[in-house]
Amino acid sequence: MSDWTKYSPADLADVRAWRARWVRRKLAALPQIEATGGYETYAANRKAVEDLAGHLMRAPVSPARITDAAEKATVAMLGIRATSTTGLQGALQNWCARVEKEHGE
């Protein structure tokens, strides 16, 4: 049993919304991949996304379960699961979108 199951529905909604806002802020601050920037801008973005994922997986409360395979990335946190075939950044964006849709944000 995950520790998120201890929350009341209202508290769980608040925790999910807070984490989605936090993840959105972190995603917005990621280094941009520049078309003319070569591999360096991709590498900087990728490292920042991996650092963000590592932080979420080490969260003291309800850590994320994240997989990043060649064909699909998956993020599961606080009872919400999202996937993306575009990579880990897309899966994180999709997780936020699911939370926002479910909680009317």
PDB file of N, CA and C in Angstrom:
ATOM      1  N   MET A   1       0.845  -1.182   0.000  1.00  0.00           N
ATOM      2  CA  MET A   1       0.000   0.000   0.000  1.00  0.00           C
ATOM      3  C   MET A   1       0.889   1.245   0.000  1.00  0.00           C
ATOM      4  N   SER A   2       0.593   2.169  -0.900  1.00  0.00           N
ATOM      5  CA  SER A   2       1.356   3.411  -0.988  1.00  0.00           C
ATOM      6  C   SER A   2       0.909   4.372   0.098  1.00  0.00           C
ATOM      7  N   ASP A   3       1.813   5.272   0.492  1.00  0.00           N
ATOM      8  CA  ASP A   3       1.462   6.202   1.558  1.00  0.00           C
ATOM      9  C   ASP A   3       0.410   7.225   1.134  1.00  0.00           C
ATOM     10  N   TRP A   4       0.188   7.400  -0.168  1.00  0.00           N
ATOM     11  CA  TRP A   4      -0.843   8.348  -0.617  1.00  0.00           C
ATOM     12  C   TRP A   4      -2.243   7.876  -0.247  1.00  0.00           C
ATOM     13  N   THR A   5      -2.415   6.571   0.022  1.00  0.00           N
ATOM     14  CA  THR A   5      -3.745   6.062   0.360  1.00  0.00           C
ATOM     15  C   THR A   5      -4.187   6.508   1.747  1.00  0.00           C
ATOM     16  N   LYS A   6      -3.294   7.081   2.544  1.00  0.00           N
ATOM     17  CA  LYS A   6      -3.641   7.569   3.877  1.00  0.00           C
ATOM     18  C   LYS A   6      -4.411   8.887   3.829  1.00  0.00           C
ATOM     19  N   TYR A   7      -4.328   9.592   2.705  1.00  0.00           N
ATOM     20  CA  TYR A   7      -4.964  10.906   2.603  1.00  0.00           C
ATOM     21  C   TYR A   7      -6.468  10.779   2.418  1.00  0.00           C
ATOM     22  N   SER A   8      -7.189  11.757   2.959  1.00  0.00           N
ATOM     23  CA  SER A   8      -8.614  11.856   2.637  1.00  0.00           C
ATOM     24  C   SER A   8      -8.701  12.316   1.184  1.00  0.00           C
ATOM     25  N   PRO A   9      -9.847  12.103   0.522  1.00  0.00           N
ATOM     26  CA  PRO A   9      -9.962  12.553  -0.879  1.00  0.00           C
ATOM     27  C   PRO A   9      -9.649  14.043  -1.062  1.00  0.00           C
ATOM     28  N   ALA A  10     -10.100  14.883  -0.146  1.00  0.00           N
ATOM     29  CA  ALA A  10      -9.846  16.320  -0.279  1.00  0.00           C
ATOM     30  C   ALA A  10      -8.363  16.623  -0.103  1.00  0.00           C
ATOM     31  N   ASP A  11      -7.736  15.999   0.892  1.00  0.00           N
ATOM     32  CA  ASP A  11      -6.310  16.223   1.112  1.00  0.00           C
ATOM     33  C   ASP A  11      -5.484  15.696  -0.064  1.00  0.00           C
ATOM     34  N   LEU A  12      -5.874  14.535  -0.588  1.00  0.00           N
ATOM     35  CA  LEU A  12      -5.161  13.961  -1.724  1.00  0.00           C
ATOM     36  C   LEU A  12      -5.235  14.891  -2.930  1.00  0.00           C
ATOM     37  N   ALA A  13      -6.401  15.475  -3.155  1.00  0.00           N
ATOM     38  CA  ALA A  13      -6.552  16.423  -4.264  1.00  0.00           C
ATOM     39  C   ALA A  13      -5.618  17.620  -4.078  1.00  0.00           C
ATOM     40  N   ASP A  14      -5.509  18.110  -2.845  1.00  0.00           N
ATOM     41  CA  ASP A  14      -4.622  19.243  -2.569  1.00  0.00           C
ATOM     42  C   ASP A  14      -3.156  18.875  -2.790  1.00  0.00           C
ATOM     43  N   VAL A  15      -2.759  17.686  -2.329  1.00  0.00           N
ATOM     44  CA  VAL A  15      -1.374  17.252  -2.487  1.00  0.00           C
ATOM     45  C   VAL A  15      -1.056  17.060  -3.966  1.00  0.00           C
ATOM     46  N   ARG A  16      -1.968  16.442  -4.695  1.00  0.00           N
ATOM     47  CA  ARG A  16      -1.755  16.259  -6.135  1.00  0.00           C
ATOM     48  C   ARG A  16      -1.622  17.605  -6.839  1.00  0.00           C
ATOM     49  N   ALA A  17      -2.524  18.536  -6.520  1.00  0.00           N
ATOM     50  CA  ALA A  17      -2.504  19.851  -7.167  1.00  0.00           C
ATOM     51  C   ALA A  17      -1.203  20.585  -6.843  1.00  0.00           C
ATOM     52  N   TRP A  18      -0.759  20.506  -5.595  1.00  0.00           N
ATOM     53  CA  TRP A  18       0.493  21.158  -5.216  1.00  0.00           C
ATOM     54  C   TRP A  18       1.648  20.560  -6.003  1.00  0.00           C
ATOM     55  N   ARG A  19       1.707  19.225  -6.063  1.00  0.00           N
ATOM     56  CA  ARG A  19       2.824  18.598  -6.764  1.00  0.00           C
ATOM     57  C   ARG A  19       2.765  18.903  -8.261  1.00  0.00           C
ATOM     58  N   ALA A  20       1.585  18.936  -8.844  1.00  0.00           N
ATOM     59  CA  ALA A  20       1.468  19.266 -10.272  1.00  0.00           C
ATOM     60  C   ALA A  20       1.958  20.686 -10.532  1.00  0.00           C
ATOM     61  N   ARG A  21       1.612  21.627  -9.663  1.00  0.00           N
ATOM     62  CA  ARG A  21       2.097  23.006  -9.841  1.00  0.00           C
ATOM     63  C   ARG A  21       3.615  23.060  -9.722  1.00  0.00           C
ATOM     64  N   TRP A  22       4.171  22.316  -8.764  1.00  0.00           N
ATOM     65  CA  TRP A  22       5.615  22.285  -8.566  1.00  0.00           C
ATOM     66  C   TRP A  22       6.308  21.701  -9.799  1.00  0.00           C
ATOM     67  N   VAL A  23       5.785  20.588 -10.311  1.00  0.00           N
ATOM     68  CA  VAL A  23       6.376  19.956 -11.496  1.00  0.00           C
ATOM     69  C   VAL A  23       6.266  20.892 -12.696  1.00  0.00           C
ATOM     70  N   ARG A  24       5.131  21.544 -12.871  1.00  0.00           N
ATOM     71  CA  ARG A  24       4.969  22.500 -13.985  1.00  0.00           C
ATOM     72  C   ARG A  24       6.028  23.599 -13.915  1.00  0.00           C
ATOM     73  N   ARG A  25       6.266  24.131 -12.701  1.00  0.00           N
ATOM     74  CA  ARG A  25       7.289  25.186 -12.558  1.00  0.00           C
ATOM     75  C   ARG A  25       8.660  24.652 -12.943  1.00  0.00           C
ATOM     76  N   LYS A  26       8.974  23.435 -12.514  1.00  0.00           N
ATOM     77  CA  LYS A  26      10.275  22.841 -12.841  1.00  0.00           C
ATOM     78  C   LYS A  26      10.392  22.581 -14.344  1.00  0.00           C
ATOM     79  N   LEU A  27       9.328  22.109 -14.974  1.00  0.00           N
ATOM     80  CA  LEU A  27       9.346  21.868 -16.413  1.00  0.00           C
ATOM     81  C   LEU A  27       9.538  23.173 -17.179  1.00  0.00           C
ATOM     82  N   ALA A  28       8.903  24.241 -16.722  1.00  0.00           N
ATOM     83  CA  ALA A  28       9.018  25.536 -17.400  1.00  0.00           C
ATOM     84  C   ALA A  28      10.444  26.086 -17.312  1.00  0.00           C
ATOM     85  N   ALA A  29      11.164  25.687 -16.272  1.00  0.00           N
ATOM     86  CA  ALA A  29      12.523  26.197 -16.075  1.00  0.00           C
ATOM     87  C   ALA A  29      13.597  25.327 -16.741  1.00  0.00           C
ATOM     88  N   LEU A  30      13.207  24.254 -17.408  1.00  0.00           N
ATOM     89  CA  LEU A  30      14.185  23.381 -18.053  1.00  0.00           C
ATOM     90  C   LEU A  30      14.925  24.116 -19.163  1.00  0.00           C
ATOM     91  N   PRO A  31      16.187  23.768 -19.369  1.00  0.00           N
ATOM     92  CA  PRO A  31      16.908  24.344 -20.509  1.00  0.00           C
ATOM     93  C   PRO A  31      16.200  23.965 -21.810  1.00  0.00           C
ATOM     94  N   GLN A  32      16.087  24.919 -22.692  1.00  0.00           N
ATOM     95  CA  GLN A  32      15.413  24.685 -23.963  1.00  0.00           C
ATOM     96  C   GLN A  32      16.339  23.983 -24.947  1.00  0.00           C
ATOM     97  N   ILE A  33      15.762  23.138 -25.779  1.00  0.00           N
ATOM     98  CA  ILE A  33      16.522  22.507 -26.856  1.00  0.00           C
ATOM     99  C   ILE A  33      16.460  23.450 -28.049  1.00  0.00           C
ATOM    100  N   GLU A  34      17.597  23.942 -28.457  1.00  0.00           N
ATOM    101  CA  GLU A  34      17.674  24.887 -29.567  1.00  0.00           C
ATOM    102  C   GLU A  34      17.965  24.140 -30.861  1.00  0.00           C
ATOM    103  N   ALA A  35      17.235  24.468 -31.903  1.00  0.00           N
ATOM    104  CA  ALA A  35      17.438  23.799 -33.196  1.00  0.00           C
ATOM    105  C   ALA A  35      18.850  23.997 -33.711  1.00  0.00           C
ATOM    106  N   THR A  36      19.427  25.148 -33.426  1.00  0.00           N
ATOM    107  CA  THR A  36      20.782  25.428 -33.903  1.00  0.00           C
ATOM    108  C   THR A  36      21.829  25.179 -32.817  1.00  0.00           C
ATOM    109  N   GLY A  37      21.397  24.678 -31.667  1.00  0.00           N
ATOM    110  CA  GLY A  37      22.305  24.508 -30.541  1.00  0.00           C
ATOM    111  C   GLY A  37      23.078  23.213 -30.540  1.00  0.00           C
ATOM    112  N   GLY A  38      22.771  22.332 -31.466  1.00  0.00           N
ATOM    113  CA  GLY A  38      23.481  21.069 -31.517  1.00  0.00           C
ATOM    114  C   GLY A  38      23.145  20.168 -30.345  1.00  0.00           C
ATOM    115  N   TYR A  39      23.976  19.189 -30.142  1.00  0.00           N
ATOM    116  CA  TYR A  39      23.749  18.184 -29.111  1.00  0.00           C
ATOM    117  C   TYR A  39      23.803  18.775 -27.704  1.00  0.00           C
ATOM    118  N   GLU A  40      24.544  19.835 -27.505  1.00  0.00           N
ATOM    119  CA  GLU A  40      24.734  20.391 -26.169  1.00  0.00           C
ATOM    120  C   GLU A  40      23.411  20.818 -25.533  1.00  0.00           C
ATOM    121  N   THR A  41      22.532  21.440 -26.314  1.00  0.00           N
ATOM    122  CA  THR A  41      21.267  21.887 -25.725  1.00  0.00           C
ATOM    123  C   THR A  41      20.360  20.692 -25.415  1.00  0.00           C
ATOM    124  N   TYR A  42      20.407  19.670 -26.257  1.00  0.00           N
ATOM    125  CA  TYR A  42      19.647  18.445 -25.978  1.00  0.00           C
ATOM    126  C   TYR A  42      20.178  17.789 -24.704  1.00  0.00           C
ATOM    127  N   ALA A  43      21.494  17.685 -24.591  1.00  0.00           N
ATOM    128  CA  ALA A  43      22.103  17.031 -23.438  1.00  0.00           C
ATOM    129  C   ALA A  43      21.781  17.776 -22.143  1.00  0.00           C
ATOM    130  N   ALA A  44      21.794  19.110 -22.185  1.00  0.00           N
ATOM    131  CA  ALA A  44      21.475  19.900 -20.995  1.00  0.00           C
ATOM    132  C   ALA A  44      20.015  19.693 -20.588  1.00  0.00           C
ATOM    133  N   ASN A  45      19.119  19.675 -21.572  1.00  0.00           N
ATOM    134  CA  ASN A  45      17.707  19.438 -21.290  1.00  0.00           C
ATOM    135  C   ASN A  45      17.511  18.047 -20.709  1.00  0.00           C
ATOM    136  N   ARG A  46      18.102  17.057 -21.327  1.00  0.00           N
ATOM    137  CA  ARG A  46      17.948  15.668 -20.889  1.00  0.00           C
ATOM    138  C   ARG A  46      18.451  15.487 -19.462  1.00  0.00           C
ATOM    139  N   LYS A  47      19.604  16.065 -19.138  1.00  0.00           N
ATOM    140  CA  LYS A  47      20.140  15.955 -17.780  1.00  0.00           C
ATOM    141  C   LYS A  47      19.197  16.604 -16.775  1.00  0.00           C
ATOM    142  N   ALA A  48      18.654  17.766 -17.119  1.00  0.00           N
ATOM    143  CA  ALA A  48      17.739  18.450 -16.209  1.00  0.00           C
ATOM    144  C   ALA A  48      16.459  17.643 -15.989  1.00  0.00           C
ATOM    145  N   VAL A  49      15.937  17.010 -17.042  1.00  0.00           N
ATOM    146  CA  VAL A  49      14.741  16.166 -16.908  1.00  0.00           C
ATOM    147  C   VAL A  49      15.056  14.964 -16.022  1.00  0.00           C
ATOM    148  N   GLU A  50      16.215  14.348 -16.230  1.00  0.00           N
ATOM    149  CA  GLU A  50      16.605  13.201 -15.407  1.00  0.00           C
ATOM    150  C   GLU A  50      16.806  13.612 -13.947  1.00  0.00           C
ATOM    151  N   ASP A  51      17.367  14.791 -13.713  1.00  0.00           N
ATOM    152  CA  ASP A  51      17.525  15.295 -12.346  1.00  0.00           C
ATOM    153  C   ASP A  51      16.165  15.504 -11.687  1.00  0.00           C
ATOM    154  N   LEU A  52      15.216  16.071 -12.424  1.00  0.00           N
ATOM    155  CA  LEU A  52      13.868  16.264 -11.909  1.00  0.00           C
ATOM    156  C   LEU A  52      13.225  14.923 -11.564  1.00  0.00           C
ATOM    157  N   ALA A  53      13.357  13.947 -12.451  1.00  0.00           N
ATOM    158  CA  ALA A  53      12.804  12.617 -12.195  1.00  0.00           C
ATOM    159  C   ALA A  53      13.439  12.000 -10.953  1.00  0.00           C
ATOM    160  N   GLY A  54      14.745  12.140 -10.814  1.00  0.00           N
ATOM    161  CA  GLY A  54      15.424  11.617  -9.635  1.00  0.00           C
ATOM    162  C   GLY A  54      14.915  12.250  -8.360  1.00  0.00           C
ATOM    163  N   HIS A  55      14.692  13.551  -8.402  1.00  0.00           N
ATOM    164  CA  HIS A  55      14.152  14.257  -7.235  1.00  0.00           C
ATOM    165  C   HIS A  55      12.766  13.701  -6.872  1.00  0.00           C
ATOM    166  N   LEU A  56      11.926  13.522  -7.878  1.00  0.00           N
ATOM    167  CA  LEU A  56      10.577  13.005  -7.622  1.00  0.00           C
ATOM    168  C   LEU A  56      10.610  11.573  -7.090  1.00  0.00           C
ATOM    169  N   MET A  57      11.542  10.772  -7.569  1.00  0.00           N
ATOM    170  CA  MET A  57      11.635   9.388  -7.093  1.00  0.00           C
ATOM    171  C   MET A  57      12.188   9.307  -5.673  1.00  0.00           C
ATOM    172  N   ARG A  58      12.884  10.350  -5.236  1.00  0.00           N
ATOM    173  CA  ARG A  58      13.419  10.385  -3.872  1.00  0.00           C
ATOM    174  C   ARG A  58      12.550  11.204  -2.921  1.00  0.00           C
ATOM    175  N   ALA A  59      11.397  11.652  -3.358  1.00  0.00           N
ATOM    176  CA  ALA A  59      10.524  12.462  -2.503  1.00  0.00           C
ATOM    177  C   ALA A  59      10.227  11.703  -1.208  1.00  0.00           C
ATOM    178  N   PRO A  60      10.286  12.381  -0.062  1.00  0.00           N
ATOM    179  CA  PRO A  60      10.064  11.687   1.210  1.00  0.00           C
ATOM    180  C   PRO A  60       8.624  11.196   1.385  1.00  0.00           C
ATOM    181  N   VAL A  61       7.688  11.835   0.714  1.00  0.00           N
ATOM    182  CA  VAL A  61       6.284  11.426   0.785  1.00  0.00           C
ATOM    183  C   VAL A  61       5.821  11.079  -0.625  1.00  0.00           C
ATOM    184  N   SER A  62       5.289   9.899  -0.787  1.00  0.00           N
ATOM    185  CA  SER A  62       4.759   9.438  -2.068  1.00  0.00           C
ATOM    186  C   SER A  62       5.740   9.636  -3.218  1.00  0.00           C
ATOM    187  N   PRO A  63       6.888   8.997  -3.143  1.00  0.00           N
ATOM    188  CA  PRO A  63       7.848   9.133  -4.249  1.00  0.00           C
ATOM    189  C   PRO A  63       7.263   8.587  -5.550  1.00  0.00           C
ATOM    190  N   ALA A  64       7.724   9.150  -6.640  1.00  0.00           N
ATOM    191  CA  ALA A  64       7.253   8.739  -7.962  1.00  0.00           C
ATOM    192  C   ALA A  64       7.869   7.406  -8.356  1.00  0.00           C
ATOM    193  N   ARG A  65       7.115   6.666  -9.143  1.00  0.00           N
ATOM    194  CA  ARG A  65       7.640   5.489  -9.836  1.00  0.00           C
ATOM    195  C   ARG A  65       7.754   5.899 -11.299  1.00  0.00           C
ATOM    196  N   ILE A  66       8.962   5.871 -11.827  1.00  0.00           N
ATOM    197  CA  ILE A  66       9.219   6.373 -13.175  1.00  0.00           C
ATOM    198  C   ILE A  66       9.987   5.333 -13.970  1.00  0.00           C
ATOM    199  N   THR A  67       9.526   5.109 -15.188  1.00  0.00           N
ATOM    200  CA  THR A  67      10.289   4.300 -16.135  1.00  0.00           C
ATOM    201  C   THR A  67      10.458   5.128 -17.402  1.00  0.00           C
ATOM    202  N   ASP A  68      11.615   4.982 -18.007  1.00  0.00           N
ATOM    203  CA  ASP A  68      11.908   5.738 -19.222  1.00  0.00           C
ATOM    204  C   ASP A  68      12.534   4.775 -20.226  1.00  0.00           C
ATOM    205  N   ALA A  69      11.684   4.074 -20.936  1.00  0.00           N
ATOM    206  CA  ALA A  69      12.149   3.114 -21.938  1.00  0.00           C
ATOM    207  C   ALA A  69      12.122   3.773 -23.314  1.00  0.00           C
ATOM    208  N   ALA A  70      12.752   3.141 -24.265  1.00  0.00           N
ATOM    209  CA  ALA A  70      12.849   3.708 -25.616  1.00  0.00           C
ATOM    210  C   ALA A  70      11.474   3.946 -26.233  1.00  0.00           C
ATOM    211  N   GLU A  71      10.522   3.054 -25.974  1.00  0.00           N
ATOM    212  CA  GLU A  71       9.215   3.172 -26.626  1.00  0.00           C
ATOM    213  C   GLU A  71       8.179   3.945 -25.813  1.00  0.00           C
ATOM    214  N   LYS A  72       8.408   4.089 -24.478  1.00  0.00           N
ATOM    215  CA  LYS A  72       7.406   4.770 -23.665  1.00  0.00           C
ATOM    216  C   LYS A  72       7.984   5.134 -22.305  1.00  0.00           C
ATOM    217  N   ALA A  73       7.645   6.322 -21.837  1.00  0.00           N
ATOM    218  CA  ALA A  73       7.988   6.743 -20.480  1.00  0.00           C
ATOM    219  C   ALA A  73       6.709   6.737 -19.648  1.00  0.00           C
ATOM    220  N   THR A  74       6.850   6.365 -18.376  1.00  0.00           N
ATOM    221  CA  THR A  74       5.701   6.285 -17.472  1.00  0.00           C
ATOM    222  C   THR A  74       6.029   6.990 -16.167  1.00  0.00           C
ATOM    223  N   VAL A  75       5.063   7.753 -15.662  1.00  0.00           N
ATOM    224  CA  VAL A  75       5.180   8.424 -14.372  1.00  0.00           C
ATOM    225  C   VAL A  75       3.951   8.048 -13.558  1.00  0.00           C
ATOM    226  N   ALA A  76       4.177   7.558 -12.340  1.00  0.00           N
ATOM    227  CA  ALA A  76       3.078   7.251 -11.419  1.00  0.00           C
ATOM    228  C   ALA A  76       3.381   7.914 -10.083  1.00  0.00           C
ATOM    229  N   MET A  77       2.481   8.787  -9.663  1.00  0.00           N
ATOM    230  CA  MET A  77       2.617   9.475  -8.373  1.00  0.00           C
ATOM    231  C   MET A  77       1.238   9.692  -7.799  1.00  0.00           C
ATOM    232  N   LEU A  78       1.119   9.507  -6.504  1.00  0.00           N
ATOM    233  CA  LEU A  78      -0.098   9.851  -5.779  1.00  0.00           C
ATOM    234  C   LEU A  78      -1.346   9.241  -6.418  1.00  0.00           C
ATOM    235  N   GLY A  79      -1.219   8.017  -6.915  1.00  0.00           N
ATOM    236  CA  GLY A  79      -2.371   7.317  -7.482  1.00  0.00           C
ATOM    237  C   GLY A  79      -2.735   7.704  -8.897  1.00  0.00           C
ATOM    238  N   ILE A  80      -1.936   8.536  -9.538  1.00  0.00           N
ATOM    239  CA  ILE A  80      -2.180   8.968 -10.926  1.00  0.00           C
ATOM    240  C   ILE A  80      -1.030   8.440 -11.775  1.00  0.00           C
ATOM    241  N   ARG A  81      -1.364   7.863 -12.914  1.00  0.00           N
ATOM    242  CA  ARG A  81      -0.355   7.314 -13.821  1.00  0.00           C
ATOM    243  C   ARG A  81      -0.506   7.981 -15.185  1.00  0.00           C
ATOM    244  N   ALA A  82       0.618   8.339 -15.779  1.00  0.00           N
ATOM    245  CA  ALA A  82       0.609   8.940 -17.112  1.00  0.00           C
ATOM    246  C   ALA A  82       1.772   8.385 -17.908  1.00  0.00           C
ATOM    247  N   THR A  83       1.574   8.313 -19.213  1.00  0.00           N
ATOM    248  CA  THR A  83       2.611   7.808 -20.106  1.00  0.00           C
ATOM    249  C   THR A  83       2.810   8.777 -21.259  1.00  0.00           C
ATOM    250  N   SER A  84       3.908   8.567 -21.983  1.00  0.00           N
ATOM    251  CA  SER A  84       4.154   9.335 -23.194  1.00  0.00           C
ATOM    252  C   SER A  84       5.124   8.567 -24.075  1.00  0.00           C
ATOM    253  N   THR A  85       4.875   8.603 -25.356  1.00  0.00           N
ATOM    254  CA  THR A  85       5.818   8.015 -26.307  1.00  0.00           C
ATOM    255  C   THR A  85       6.859   9.036 -26.743  1.00  0.00           C
ATOM    256  N   THR A  86       6.740  10.285 -26.271  1.00  0.00           N
ATOM    257  CA  THR A  86       7.721  11.316 -26.615  1.00  0.00           C
ATOM    258  C   THR A  86       8.835  11.419 -25.593  1.00  0.00           C
ATOM    259  N   GLY A  87       8.739  10.684 -24.495  1.00  0.00           N
ATOM    260  CA  GLY A  87       9.806  10.695 -23.508  1.00  0.00           C
ATOM    261  C   GLY A  87       9.340  11.107 -22.129  1.00  0.00           C
ATOM    262  N   LEU A  88      10.304  11.203 -21.238  1.00  0.00           N
ATOM    263  CA  LEU A  88      10.031  11.483 -19.834  1.00  0.00           C
ATOM    264  C   LEU A  88       9.415  12.860 -19.621  1.00  0.00           C
ATOM    265  N   GLN A  89       9.900  13.852 -20.331  1.00  0.00           N
ATOM    266  CA  GLN A  89       9.328  15.199 -20.189  1.00  0.00           C
ATOM    267  C   GLN A  89       7.853  15.183 -20.573  1.00  0.00           C
ATOM    268  N   GLY A  90       7.511  14.480 -21.632  1.00  0.00           N
ATOM    269  CA  GLY A  90       6.109  14.360 -22.045  1.00  0.00           C
ATOM    270  C   GLY A  90       5.273  13.631 -21.011  1.00  0.00           C
ATOM    271  N   ALA A  91       5.820  12.589 -20.407  1.00  0.00           N
ATOM    272  CA  ALA A  91       5.077  11.850 -19.376  1.00  0.00           C
ATOM    273  C   ALA A  91       4.822  12.729 -18.154  1.00  0.00           C
ATOM    274  N   LEU A  92       5.802  13.547 -17.782  1.00  0.00           N
ATOM    275  CA  LEU A  92       5.604  14.470 -16.662  1.00  0.00           C
ATOM    276  C   LEU A  92       4.530  15.510 -16.999  1.00  0.00           C
ATOM    277  N   GLN A  93       4.559  16.025 -18.225  1.00  0.00           N
ATOM    278  CA  GLN A  93       3.525  16.980 -18.648  1.00  0.00           C
ATOM    279  C   GLN A  93       2.149  16.322 -18.640  1.00  0.00           C
ATOM    280  N   ASN A  94       2.087  15.085 -19.105  1.00  0.00           N
ATOM    281  CA  ASN A  94       0.810  14.368 -19.123  1.00  0.00           C
ATOM    282  C   ASN A  94       0.308  14.079 -17.714  1.00  0.00           C
ATOM    283  N   TRP A  95       1.224  13.795 -16.780  1.00  0.00           N
ATOM    284  CA  TRP A  95       0.813  13.572 -15.394  1.00  0.00           C
ATOM    285  C   TRP A  95       0.181  14.854 -14.841  1.00  0.00           C
ATOM    286  N   CYS A  96       0.819  15.970 -15.073  1.00  0.00           N
ATOM    287  CA  CYS A  96       0.267  17.253 -14.612  1.00  0.00           C
ATOM    288  C   CYS A  96      -1.103  17.505 -15.238  1.00  0.00           C
ATOM    289  N   ALA A  97      -1.227  17.252 -16.514  1.00  0.00           N
ATOM    290  CA  ALA A  97      -2.508  17.474 -17.212  1.00  0.00           C
ATOM    291  C   ALA A  97      -3.606  16.590 -16.636  1.00  0.00           C
ATOM    292  N   ARG A  98      -3.300  15.337 -16.306  1.00  0.00           N
ATOM    293  CA  ARG A  98      -4.291  14.449 -15.700  1.00  0.00           C
ATOM    294  C   ARG A  98      -4.748  14.977 -14.353  1.00  0.00           C
ATOM    295  N   VAL A  99      -3.802  15.435 -13.541  1.00  0.00           N
ATOM    296  CA  VAL A  99      -4.152  15.992 -12.239  1.00  0.00           C
ATOM    297  C   VAL A  99      -5.034  17.233 -12.421  1.00  0.00           C
ATOM    298  N   GLU A 100      -4.634  18.110 -13.322  1.00  0.00           N
ATOM    299  CA  GLU A 100      -5.390  19.344 -13.542  1.00  0.00           C
ATOM    300  C   GLU A 100      -6.794  19.037 -14.058  1.00  0.00           C
ATOM    301  N   LYS A 101      -6.932  18.059 -14.917  1.00  0.00           N
ATOM    302  CA  LYS A 101      -8.236  17.686 -15.453  1.00  0.00           C
ATOM    303  C   LYS A 101      -9.111  17.074 -14.365  1.00  0.00           C
ATOM    304  N   GLU A 102      -8.547  16.181 -13.573  1.00  0.00           N
ATOM    305  CA  GLU A 102      -9.322  15.526 -12.520  1.00  0.00           C
ATOM    306  C   GLU A 102      -9.720  16.452 -11.399  1.00  0.00           C
ATOM    307  N   HIS A 103      -8.925  17.504 -11.186  1.00  0.00           N
ATOM    308  CA  HIS A 103      -9.184  18.397 -10.065  1.00  0.00           C
ATOM    309  C   HIS A 103      -9.589  19.802 -10.495  1.00  0.00           C
ATOM    310  N   GLY A 104      -9.950  19.942 -11.770  1.00  0.00           N
ATOM    311  CA  GLY A 104     -10.511  21.191 -12.260  1.00  0.00           C
ATOM    312  C   GLY A 104      -9.599  22.389 -12.189  1.00  0.00           C
ATOM    313  N   GLU A 105      -8.338  22.192 -12.472  1.00  0.00           N
ATOM    314  CA  GLU A 105      -7.408  23.336 -12.430  1.00  0.00           C
ATOM    315  C   GLU A 105      -7.192  23.879 -13.819  1.00  0.00           C
TER     316      GLU A 105
END
